[in-house]
């Protein structure tokens, strides 16, 4: 028999289902909430319960939004001739935080992963190809993770976009800022050398 009350145990269990949250972190979060005033916990619960209300995919780029067309696609200051392909909305957020890219996006909502039963039809690849076919696109930037699945997804997309006479690029990969060469694997070093730029 457990020495922790059932309702506390249930919350710990739910937190531990979240990605990156282990049992210890789940316990810490639960006991943190127990120290908060009832009103704070109520607000937290209501906010989580309403998380998905009104959320939909942007009709153009498939990013998450509360409107038919997301704020990035609505922004006339963005370069609509350049599309950056990302795996999920978190990747889009990371690129936006860098404050460097001024084009638009296309969110795939995953990558091709046959082992997990994810094929091209489960992603928004068909919508991407249609977007490019409509014309007006000069460059497609592939910003997928350099995993085996990411590479397979990039190759699949390139097969359909290459004949459309559009420039295809991919983000550079290599040594992260603050990283040491001695700790980098040979594949990372190879890609860093291949992606070198002129000073």
C-alpha atoms as a PDB file:
ATOM      1  CA  UNK A   1       0.000   0.000   0.000  1.00  0.00           C
ATOM      2  CA  UNK A   2       1.348   3.413  -0.976  1.00  0.00           C
ATOM      3  CA  UNK A   3       2.199   6.046   1.592  1.00  0.00           C
ATOM      4  CA  UNK A   4       1.252   8.848  -0.866  1.00  0.00           C
ATOM      5  CA  UNK A   5      -2.426   9.847  -1.202  1.00  0.00           C
ATOM      6  CA  UNK A   6      -4.009   8.578  -4.430  1.00  0.00           C
ATOM      7  CA  UNK A   7      -4.753  12.030  -5.898  1.00  0.00           C
ATOM      8  CA  UNK A   8      -1.099  13.081  -5.435  1.00  0.00           C
ATOM      9  CA  UNK A   9       0.047   9.794  -6.980  1.00  0.00           C
ATOM     10  CA  UNK A  10      -2.219  10.385  -9.994  1.00  0.00           C
ATOM     11  CA  UNK A  11      -0.787  13.867 -10.620  1.00  0.00           C
ATOM     12  CA  UNK A  12       2.783  12.520 -10.370  1.00  0.00           C
ATOM     13  CA  UNK A  13       1.839   9.797 -12.843  1.00  0.00           C
ATOM     14  CA  UNK A  14       0.355  12.322 -15.309  1.00  0.00           C
ATOM     15  CA  UNK A  15       3.383  14.638 -15.100  1.00  0.00           C
ATOM     16  CA  UNK A  16       5.750  11.702 -15.687  1.00  0.00           C
ATOM     17  CA  UNK A  17       3.968  10.993 -19.004  1.00  0.00           C
ATOM     18  CA  UNK A  18       5.237  14.330 -20.351  1.00  0.00           C
ATOM     19  CA  UNK A  19       8.376  14.238 -22.544  1.00  0.00           C
ATOM     20  CA  UNK A  20      11.559  15.025 -20.621  1.00  0.00           C
ATOM     21  CA  UNK A  21       9.869  14.641 -17.231  1.00  0.00           C
ATOM     22  CA  UNK A  22      11.159  11.728 -15.197  1.00  0.00           C
ATOM     23  CA  UNK A  23       9.688  10.417 -11.915  1.00  0.00           C
ATOM     24  CA  UNK A  24      11.754  12.805  -9.755  1.00  0.00           C
ATOM     25  CA  UNK A  25      10.779  15.883 -11.805  1.00  0.00           C
ATOM     26  CA  UNK A  26       7.139  14.744 -11.735  1.00  0.00           C
ATOM     27  CA  UNK A  27       7.281  14.545  -7.937  1.00  0.00           C
ATOM     28  CA  UNK A  28       8.921  17.984  -7.689  1.00  0.00           C
ATOM     29  CA  UNK A  29       6.277  19.572  -9.929  1.00  0.00           C
ATOM     30  CA  UNK A  30       3.443  17.939  -8.007  1.00  0.00           C
ATOM     31  CA  UNK A  31       4.751  19.037  -4.606  1.00  0.00           C
ATOM     32  CA  UNK A  32       5.425  22.513  -5.994  1.00  0.00           C
ATOM     33  CA  UNK A  33       1.747  22.734  -6.952  1.00  0.00           C
ATOM     34  CA  UNK A  34       0.717  21.497  -3.493  1.00  0.00           C
ATOM     35  CA  UNK A  35       2.448  24.551  -1.962  1.00  0.00           C
ATOM     36  CA  UNK A  36       0.591  26.967  -4.269  1.00  0.00           C
ATOM     37  CA  UNK A  37      -2.689  28.646  -3.239  1.00  0.00           C
ATOM     38  CA  UNK A  38      -5.885  26.868  -4.358  1.00  0.00           C
ATOM     39  CA  UNK A  39      -6.682  29.686  -6.800  1.00  0.00           C
ATOM     40  CA  UNK A  40      -3.328  29.252  -8.591  1.00  0.00           C
ATOM     41  CA  UNK A  41      -3.891  25.516  -8.993  1.00  0.00           C
ATOM     42  CA  UNK A  42      -7.428  26.132 -10.248  1.00  0.00           C
ATOM     43  CA  UNK A  43      -6.151  28.657 -12.828  1.00  0.00           C
ATOM     44  CA  UNK A  44      -3.405  26.240 -13.887  1.00  0.00           C
ATOM     45  CA  UNK A  45      -5.890  23.403 -14.361  1.00  0.00           C
ATOM     46  CA  UNK A  46      -8.345  25.583 -16.307  1.00  0.00           C
ATOM     47  CA  UNK A  47      -5.561  26.881 -18.545  1.00  0.00           C
ATOM     48  CA  UNK A  48      -4.405  23.336 -19.370  1.00  0.00           C
ATOM     49  CA  UNK A  49      -8.020  22.216 -19.928  1.00  0.00           C
ATOM     50  CA  UNK A  50      -8.488  25.048 -22.475  1.00  0.00           C
ATOM     51  CA  UNK A  51      -5.122  24.456 -24.196  1.00  0.00           C
ATOM     52  CA  UNK A  52      -6.578  23.093 -27.435  1.00  0.00           C
ATOM     53  CA  UNK A  53      -9.630  25.360 -27.632  1.00  0.00           C
ATOM     54  CA  UNK A  54      -9.695  27.221 -30.932  1.00  0.00           C
ATOM     55  CA  UNK A  55      -6.337  25.804 -32.067  1.00  0.00           C
ATOM     56  CA  UNK A  56      -6.168  24.806 -35.731  1.00  0.00           C
ATOM     57  CA  UNK A  57      -3.655  24.517 -38.549  1.00  0.00           C
ATOM     58  CA  UNK A  58      -2.842  27.560 -40.654  1.00  0.00           C
ATOM     59  CA  UNK A  59      -4.415  27.079 -44.098  1.00  0.00           C
ATOM     60  CA  UNK A  60      -1.111  27.984 -45.751  1.00  0.00           C
ATOM     61  CA  UNK A  61       1.853  26.764 -43.675  1.00  0.00           C
ATOM     62  CA  UNK A  62       0.146  24.282 -41.296  1.00  0.00           C
ATOM     63  CA  UNK A  63       1.549  26.002 -38.188  1.00  0.00           C
ATOM     64  CA  UNK A  64      -0.674  26.081 -35.104  1.00  0.00           C
ATOM     65  CA  UNK A  65      -2.873  29.167 -34.918  1.00  0.00           C
ATOM     66  CA  UNK A  66      -6.205  30.439 -33.625  1.00  0.00           C
ATOM     67  CA  UNK A  67      -7.048  32.062 -36.975  1.00  0.00           C
ATOM     68  CA  UNK A  68      -7.470  30.638 -40.474  1.00  0.00           C
ATOM     69  CA  UNK A  69      -4.079  32.067 -41.472  1.00  0.00           C
ATOM     70  CA  UNK A  70      -1.246  32.409 -38.917  1.00  0.00           C
ATOM     71  CA  UNK A  71       0.431  35.709 -38.073  1.00  0.00           C
ATOM     72  CA  UNK A  72       3.614  34.808 -39.990  1.00  0.00           C
ATOM     73  CA  UNK A  73       1.720  34.077 -43.213  1.00  0.00           C
ATOM     74  CA  UNK A  74      -0.366  37.244 -42.716  1.00  0.00           C
ATOM     75  CA  UNK A  75       2.751  39.403 -42.314  1.00  0.00           C
ATOM     76  CA  UNK A  76       3.392  41.276 -45.575  1.00  0.00           C
ATOM     77  CA  UNK A  77       6.964  42.042 -44.481  1.00  0.00           C
ATOM     78  CA  UNK A  78       7.895  38.340 -44.710  1.00  0.00           C
ATOM     79  CA  UNK A  79       9.560  37.024 -47.878  1.00  0.00           C
ATOM     80  CA  UNK A  80       6.808  34.821 -49.345  1.00  0.00           C
ATOM     81  CA  UNK A  81       9.175  33.511 -52.057  1.00  0.00           C
ATOM     82  CA  UNK A  82      11.203  31.508 -49.497  1.00  0.00           C
ATOM     83  CA  UNK A  83       9.748  28.544 -47.579  1.00  0.00           C
ATOM     84  CA  UNK A  84      11.581  26.922 -44.678  1.00  0.00           C
ATOM     85  CA  UNK A  85      10.433  23.346 -44.015  1.00  0.00           C
ATOM     86  CA  UNK A  86      10.396  22.317 -40.343  1.00  0.00           C
ATOM     87  CA  UNK A  87       9.346  19.139 -38.560  1.00  0.00           C
ATOM     88  CA  UNK A  88       7.108  20.723 -35.922  1.00  0.00           C
ATOM     89  CA  UNK A  89       6.005  24.069 -34.436  1.00  0.00           C
ATOM     90  CA  UNK A  90       8.804  23.918 -31.819  1.00  0.00           C
ATOM     91  CA  UNK A  91      11.400  24.040 -34.626  1.00  0.00           C
ATOM     92  CA  UNK A  92       9.627  27.070 -36.097  1.00  0.00           C
ATOM     93  CA  UNK A  93       9.738  28.777 -32.681  1.00  0.00           C
ATOM     94  CA  UNK A  94      13.479  28.040 -32.362  1.00  0.00           C
ATOM     95  CA  UNK A  95      14.191  29.564 -35.790  1.00  0.00           C
ATOM     96  CA  UNK A  96      12.055  32.613 -35.008  1.00  0.00           C
ATOM     97  CA  UNK A  97      13.955  33.165 -31.741  1.00  0.00           C
ATOM     98  CA  UNK A  98      17.191  33.378 -33.754  1.00  0.00           C
ATOM     99  CA  UNK A  99      15.616  36.456 -35.399  1.00  0.00           C
ATOM    100  CA  UNK A 100      17.503  35.818 -38.636  1.00  0.00           C
ATOM    101  CA  UNK A 101      15.035  34.193 -41.031  1.00  0.00           C
ATOM    102  CA  UNK A 102      12.557  36.502 -42.748  1.00  0.00           C
ATOM    103  CA  UNK A 103      10.738  34.076 -45.048  1.00  0.00           C
ATOM    104  CA  UNK A 104       7.719  31.856 -44.388  1.00  0.00           C
ATOM    105  CA  UNK A 105       7.462  28.258 -43.171  1.00  0.00           C
ATOM    106  CA  UNK A 106       5.869  24.908 -43.828  1.00  0.00           C
ATOM    107  CA  UNK A 107       5.317  22.629 -40.817  1.00  0.00           C
ATOM    108  CA  UNK A 108       5.312  18.888 -41.606  1.00  0.00           C
ATOM    109  CA  UNK A 109       4.069  17.753 -38.158  1.00  0.00           C
ATOM    110  CA  UNK A 110       6.558  14.904 -38.056  1.00  0.00           C
ATOM    111  CA  UNK A 111       9.007  13.055 -40.274  1.00  0.00           C
ATOM    112  CA  UNK A 112       8.795   9.860 -42.263  1.00  0.00           C
ATOM    113  CA  UNK A 113       9.350   7.035 -39.774  1.00  0.00           C
ATOM    114  CA  UNK A 114       8.205   3.652 -41.143  1.00  0.00           C
ATOM    115  CA  UNK A 115       9.060   1.859 -37.876  1.00  0.00           C
ATOM    116  CA  UNK A 116       6.529   4.086 -36.089  1.00  0.00           C
ATOM    117  CA  UNK A 117       4.010   3.758 -38.916  1.00  0.00           C
ATOM    118  CA  UNK A 118       4.479   7.337 -40.146  1.00  0.00           C
ATOM    119  CA  UNK A 119       4.506   7.637 -43.910  1.00  0.00           C
ATOM    120  CA  UNK A 120       4.361  10.681 -46.209  1.00  0.00           C
ATOM    121  CA  UNK A 121       0.543  10.635 -46.166  1.00  0.00           C
ATOM    122  CA  UNK A 122       0.482  11.261 -42.392  1.00  0.00           C
ATOM    123  CA  UNK A 123       2.471  14.488 -42.870  1.00  0.00           C
ATOM    124  CA  UNK A 124       1.708  17.728 -44.720  1.00  0.00           C
ATOM    125  CA  UNK A 125       4.092  16.959 -47.606  1.00  0.00           C
ATOM    126  CA  UNK A 126       1.334  16.936 -50.262  1.00  0.00           C
ATOM    127  CA  UNK A 127       0.264  20.439 -49.169  1.00  0.00           C
ATOM    128  CA  UNK A 128       3.888  21.629 -49.362  1.00  0.00           C
ATOM    129  CA  UNK A 129       4.284  20.302 -52.921  1.00  0.00           C
ATOM    130  CA  UNK A 130       1.014  21.990 -53.956  1.00  0.00           C
ATOM    131  CA  UNK A 131       2.256  25.270 -52.464  1.00  0.00           C
ATOM    132  CA  UNK A 132       5.440  25.111 -54.512  1.00  0.00           C
ATOM    133  CA  UNK A 133       3.579  24.053 -57.677  1.00  0.00           C
ATOM    134  CA  UNK A 134       1.362  27.158 -57.465  1.00  0.00           C
ATOM    135  CA  UNK A 135       4.442  29.226 -58.293  1.00  0.00           C
ATOM    136  CA  UNK A 136       6.060  32.306 -56.807  1.00  0.00           C
ATOM    137  CA  UNK A 137       8.483  30.255 -54.695  1.00  0.00           C
ATOM    138  CA  UNK A 138      12.176  30.852 -55.406  1.00  0.00           C
ATOM    139  CA  UNK A 139      13.798  28.860 -52.592  1.00  0.00           C
ATOM    140  CA  UNK A 140      12.892  25.960 -50.318  1.00  0.00           C
ATOM    141  CA  UNK A 141      15.068  25.583 -47.211  1.00  0.00           C
ATOM    142  CA  UNK A 142      15.103  22.164 -45.579  1.00  0.00           C
ATOM    143  CA  UNK A 143      15.516  22.590 -41.818  1.00  0.00           C
ATOM    144  CA  UNK A 144      14.976  19.017 -40.632  1.00  0.00           C
ATOM    145  CA  UNK A 145      17.013  17.248 -37.968  1.00  0.00           C
ATOM    146  CA  UNK A 146      20.021  15.347 -39.392  1.00  0.00           C
ATOM    147  CA  UNK A 147      18.684  11.970 -38.216  1.00  0.00           C
ATOM    148  CA  UNK A 148      18.155   8.981 -40.500  1.00  0.00           C
ATOM    149  CA  UNK A 149      14.418   9.755 -40.625  1.00  0.00           C
ATOM    150  CA  UNK A 150      15.077  13.466 -41.217  1.00  0.00           C
ATOM    151  CA  UNK A 151      17.397  12.631 -44.122  1.00  0.00           C
ATOM    152  CA  UNK A 152      14.832  10.222 -45.610  1.00  0.00           C
ATOM    153  CA  UNK A 153      12.115  12.873 -45.337  1.00  0.00           C
ATOM    154  CA  UNK A 154      14.373  15.487 -46.975  1.00  0.00           C
ATOM    155  CA  UNK A 155      15.184  13.079 -49.834  1.00  0.00           C
ATOM    156  CA  UNK A 156      11.474  12.323 -50.349  1.00  0.00           C
ATOM    157  CA  UNK A 157      10.586  16.028 -50.475  1.00  0.00           C
ATOM    158  CA  UNK A 158      13.486  16.830 -52.845  1.00  0.00           C
ATOM    159  CA  UNK A 159      12.326  14.119 -55.259  1.00  0.00           C
ATOM    160  CA  UNK A 160       9.084  16.062 -55.816  1.00  0.00           C
ATOM    161  CA  UNK A 161      10.372  19.634 -55.588  1.00  0.00           C
ATOM    162  CA  UNK A 162      13.531  19.359 -57.711  1.00  0.00           C
ATOM    163  CA  UNK A 163      11.602  19.108 -61.021  1.00  0.00           C
ATOM    164  CA  UNK A 164       9.723  22.320 -60.154  1.00  0.00           C
ATOM    165  CA  UNK A 165      12.762  24.507 -60.902  1.00  0.00           C
ATOM    166  CA  UNK A 166      13.097  25.887 -57.363  1.00  0.00           C
ATOM    167  CA  UNK A 167      16.356  26.423 -55.490  1.00  0.00           C
ATOM    168  CA  UNK A 168      16.651  23.848 -52.686  1.00  0.00           C
ATOM    169  CA  UNK A 169      18.991  24.493 -49.750  1.00  0.00           C
ATOM    170  CA  UNK A 170      19.384  23.062 -46.295  1.00  0.00           C
ATOM    171  CA  UNK A 171      20.503  24.647 -43.066  1.00  0.00           C
ATOM    172  CA  UNK A 172      24.182  24.173 -42.237  1.00  0.00           C
ATOM    173  CA  UNK A 173      25.122  21.536 -39.694  1.00  0.00           C
ATOM    174  CA  UNK A 174      28.246  21.231 -37.652  1.00  0.00           C
ATOM    175  CA  UNK A 175      29.890  22.350 -34.442  1.00  0.00           C
ATOM    176  CA  UNK A 176      27.546  24.180 -32.043  1.00  0.00           C
ATOM    177  CA  UNK A 177      28.574  27.556 -30.611  1.00  0.00           C
ATOM    178  CA  UNK A 178      30.622  26.879 -27.480  1.00  0.00           C
ATOM    179  CA  UNK A 179      31.332  23.289 -28.555  1.00  0.00           C
ATOM    180  CA  UNK A 180      34.826  21.748 -28.532  1.00  0.00           C
ATOM    181  CA  UNK A 181      36.251  20.074 -31.629  1.00  0.00           C
ATOM    182  CA  UNK A 182      37.754  17.286 -29.554  1.00  0.00           C
ATOM    183  CA  UNK A 183      34.291  16.157 -28.408  1.00  0.00           C
ATOM    184  CA  UNK A 184      32.633  16.291 -31.839  1.00  0.00           C
ATOM    185  CA  UNK A 185      32.030  13.044 -33.707  1.00  0.00           C
ATOM    186  CA  UNK A 186      33.551  12.502 -37.159  1.00  0.00           C
ATOM    187  CA  UNK A 187      30.212  12.951 -38.980  1.00  0.00           C
ATOM    188  CA  UNK A 188      29.638  16.336 -37.305  1.00  0.00           C
ATOM    189  CA  UNK A 189      33.177  17.438 -38.170  1.00  0.00           C
ATOM    190  CA  UNK A 190      32.697  16.279 -41.771  1.00  0.00           C
ATOM    191  CA  UNK A 191      29.483  18.302 -42.076  1.00  0.00           C
ATOM    192  CA  UNK A 192      31.094  21.326 -40.426  1.00  0.00           C
ATOM    193  CA  UNK A 193      33.874  21.234 -43.027  1.00  0.00           C
ATOM    194  CA  UNK A 194      31.406  20.766 -45.890  1.00  0.00           C
ATOM    195  CA  UNK A 195      29.315  23.707 -44.677  1.00  0.00           C
ATOM    196  CA  UNK A 196      32.253  26.072 -44.191  1.00  0.00           C
ATOM    197  CA  UNK A 197      31.847  29.705 -45.286  1.00  0.00           C
ATOM    198  CA  UNK A 198      34.294  32.302 -46.528  1.00  0.00           C
ATOM    199  CA  UNK A 199      35.423  34.954 -44.040  1.00  0.00           C
END
